[in-house]
C-alpha atoms as a PDB file:
ATOM      1  CA  MET A   1      42.291  79.916 190.291  1.00  0.00           C
ATOM      2  CA  PRO A   2      39.292  80.045 187.989  1.00  0.00           C
ATOM      3  CA  THR A   3      35.789  80.919 189.065  1.00  0.00           C
ATOM      4  CA  VAL A   4      33.379  78.170 188.048  1.00  0.00           C
ATOM      5  CA  ILE A   5      29.588  78.228 187.935  1.00  0.00           C
ATOM      6  CA  GLY A   6      27.815  74.886 187.893  1.00  0.00           C
ATOM      7  CA  PHE A   7      24.217  74.149 186.945  1.00  0.00           C
ATOM      8  CA  GLU A   8      22.354  71.053 188.156  1.00  0.00           C
ATOM      9  CA  GLY A   9      18.875  70.333 186.901  1.00  0.00           C
ATOM     10  CA  SER A  10      18.757  66.631 186.083  1.00  0.00           C
ATOM     11  CA  ALA A  11      15.848  65.806 188.384  1.00  0.00           C
ATOM     12  CA  ASN A  12      13.332  67.784 190.445  1.00  0.00           C
ATOM     13  CA  LYS A  13      15.979  69.996 192.065  1.00  0.00           C
ATOM     14  CA  LEU A  14      17.527  72.989 190.290  1.00  0.00           C
ATOM     15  CA  GLY A  15      20.759  74.280 191.750  1.00  0.00           C
ATOM     16  CA  ILE A  16      23.445  76.733 190.724  1.00  0.00           C
ATOM     17  CA  GLY A  17      26.750  76.785 192.555  1.00  0.00           C
ATOM     18  CA  ILE A  18      29.736  79.083 192.239  1.00  0.00           C
ATOM     19  CA  ILE A  19      33.218  78.167 193.444  1.00  0.00           C
ATOM     20  CA  ARG A  20      36.560  79.954 193.446  1.00  0.00           C
ATOM     21  CA  ASP A  21      39.845  78.611 194.773  1.00  0.00           C
ATOM     22  CA  GLY A  22      38.030  75.566 196.161  1.00  0.00           C
ATOM     23  CA  GLU A  23      35.651  77.712 198.209  1.00  0.00           C
ATOM     24  CA  VAL A  24      31.894  77.483 197.666  1.00  0.00           C
ATOM     25  CA  LEU A  25      30.728  81.075 197.224  1.00  0.00           C
ATOM     26  CA  SER A  26      27.056  80.248 196.687  1.00  0.00           C
ATOM     27  CA  ASN A  27      24.786  77.278 196.083  1.00  0.00           C
ATOM     28  CA  PRO A  28      21.085  78.266 195.940  1.00  0.00           C
ATOM     29  CA  ARG A  29      18.490  75.654 194.999  1.00  0.00           C
ATOM     30  CA  VAL A  30      14.784  75.311 194.290  1.00  0.00           C
ATOM     31  CA  THR A  31      12.802  72.086 194.180  1.00  0.00           C
ATOM     32  CA  TYR A  32       9.859  71.146 192.003  1.00  0.00           C
ATOM     33  CA  VAL A  33       7.281  69.570 194.312  1.00  0.00           C
ATOM     34  CA  THR A  34       4.336  67.586 192.980  1.00  0.00           C
ATOM     35  CA  PRO A  35       1.080  66.838 194.810  1.00  0.00           C
ATOM     36  CA  PRO A  36       1.346  63.908 197.266  1.00  0.00           C
ATOM     37  CA  GLY A  37       1.252  60.549 195.549  1.00  0.00           C
ATOM     38  CA  GLU A  38       2.281  61.887 192.137  1.00  0.00           C
ATOM     39  CA  GLY A  39       5.727  61.545 190.661  1.00  0.00           C
ATOM     40  CA  PHE A  40       7.333  64.373 188.770  1.00  0.00           C
ATOM     41  CA  GLN A  41       7.102  64.363 184.996  1.00  0.00           C
ATOM     42  CA  PRO A  42      10.128  65.520 182.984  1.00  0.00           C
ATOM     43  CA  ARG A  43       8.125  68.044 180.946  1.00  0.00           C
ATOM     44  CA  ASP A  44       6.597  69.677 184.040  1.00  0.00           C
ATOM     45  CA  THR A  45       9.919  69.635 185.836  1.00  0.00           C
ATOM     46  CA  ALA A  46      11.655  71.265 182.872  1.00  0.00           C
ATOM     47  CA  ARG A  47       9.006  74.013 182.835  1.00  0.00           C
ATOM     48  CA  HIS A  48       9.607  74.574 186.546  1.00  0.00           C
ATOM     49  CA  HIS A  49      13.355  74.830 186.043  1.00  0.00           C
ATOM     50  CA  GLN A  50      12.954  77.191 183.095  1.00  0.00           C
ATOM     51  CA  ALA A  51      10.627  79.391 185.135  1.00  0.00           C
ATOM     52  CA  HIS A  52      13.118  79.627 188.025  1.00  0.00           C
ATOM     53  CA  VAL A  53      16.584  79.396 186.488  1.00  0.00           C
ATOM     54  CA  LEU A  54      17.156  83.128 186.067  1.00  0.00           C
ATOM     55  CA  GLU A  55      16.111  83.965 189.639  1.00  0.00           C
ATOM     56  CA  VAL A  56      18.332  81.177 191.003  1.00  0.00           C
ATOM     57  CA  LEU A  57      21.187  82.403 188.809  1.00  0.00           C
ATOM     58  CA  GLN A  58      20.788  85.961 190.076  1.00  0.00           C
ATOM     59  CA  LYS A  59      20.685  84.707 193.658  1.00  0.00           C
ATOM     60  CA  ALA A  60      23.881  82.698 193.086  1.00  0.00           C
ATOM     61  CA  LEU A  61      25.674  85.725 191.652  1.00  0.00           C
ATOM     62  CA  ASP A  62      24.423  87.987 194.444  1.00  0.00           C
ATOM     63  CA  GLU A  63      25.423  85.542 197.193  1.00  0.00           C
ATOM     64  CA  ALA A  64      28.864  85.107 195.618  1.00  0.00           C
ATOM     65  CA  ASN A  65      29.158  88.886 195.188  1.00  0.00           C
ATOM     66  CA  ILE A  66      30.463  88.544 191.634  1.00  0.00           C
ATOM     67  CA  SER A  67      29.399  89.626 188.165  1.00  0.00           C
ATOM     68  CA  PRO A  68      28.847  87.275 185.220  1.00  0.00           C
ATOM     69  CA  ARG A  69      32.042  88.615 183.639  1.00  0.00           C
ATOM     70  CA  GLU A  70      34.067  87.084 186.482  1.00  0.00           C
ATOM     71  CA  ILE A  71      32.964  83.546 185.532  1.00  0.00           C
ATOM     72  CA  ASP A  72      35.790  81.622 183.867  1.00  0.00           C
ATOM     73  CA  CYS A  73      34.091  78.278 183.298  1.00  0.00           C
ATOM     74  CA  ILE A  74      30.548  76.910 183.081  1.00  0.00           C
ATOM     75  CA  ALA A  75      29.759  73.372 184.231  1.00  0.00           C
ATOM     76  CA  TYR A  76      26.436  71.575 183.905  1.00  0.00           C
ATOM     77  CA  THR A  77      24.885  68.195 184.491  1.00  0.00           C
ATOM     78  CA  LYS A  78      25.036  65.997 181.428  1.00  0.00           C
ATOM     79  CA  GLY A  79      22.669  63.301 182.596  1.00  0.00           C
ATOM     80  CA  ILE A  80      20.092  61.002 181.152  1.00  0.00           C
ATOM     81  CA  CYS A  81      17.090  62.865 182.554  1.00  0.00           C
ATOM     82  CA  LEU A  82      16.734  66.608 182.026  1.00  0.00           C
ATOM     83  CA  LYS A  83      19.693  67.848 180.060  1.00  0.00           C
ATOM     84  CA  PHE A  84      20.420  71.252 181.465  1.00  0.00           C
ATOM     85  CA  LYS A  85      22.321  72.287 178.355  1.00  0.00           C
ATOM     86  CA  ASN A  86      18.985  72.506 176.539  1.00  0.00           C
ATOM     87  CA  GLN A  87      17.476  74.553 179.358  1.00  0.00           C
ATOM     88  CA  LEU A  88      20.360  77.010 179.140  1.00  0.00           C
ATOM     89  CA  ALA A  89      19.679  77.487 175.443  1.00  0.00           C
ATOM     90  CA  ASN A  90      15.941  77.843 176.014  1.00  0.00           C
ATOM     91  CA  CYS A  91      16.449  80.486 178.690  1.00  0.00           C
ATOM     92  CA  ARG A  92      18.897  82.461 176.555  1.00  0.00           C
ATOM     93  CA  MET A  93      21.228  82.864 179.480  1.00  0.00           C
ATOM     94  CA  ASP A  94      23.985  83.835 177.107  1.00  0.00           C
ATOM     95  CA  ASN A  95      22.435  87.319 177.199  1.00  0.00           C
ATOM     96  CA  LEU A  96      23.068  87.526 180.920  1.00  0.00           C
ATOM     97  CA  PHE A  97      26.710  86.501 180.553  1.00  0.00           C
ATOM     98  CA  TYR A  98      27.667  88.356 177.403  1.00  0.00           C
ATOM     99  CA  ASN A  99      25.631  91.572 177.338  1.00  0.00           C
END
């Protein structure tokens, strides 16, 4: 069975999960929290996610006890809010997977 890593960052929560053979190996998350009474703005939320995505990714890999080279497939949220595909490009995560 393939090993799949999934990225979710369409709202104020950023999560990265890794599964293999139907088993969840890791699923760390961080949440962007605004001051009470204020909603989260997409630009600020995107900055938060970009600032934390590499640490959450490393935590996911560590918890799953795998290396990036063991990942067979990458999944991501393709939503109407914060398109994580753009965040992946901005963070240059390809370096982590292919170097």
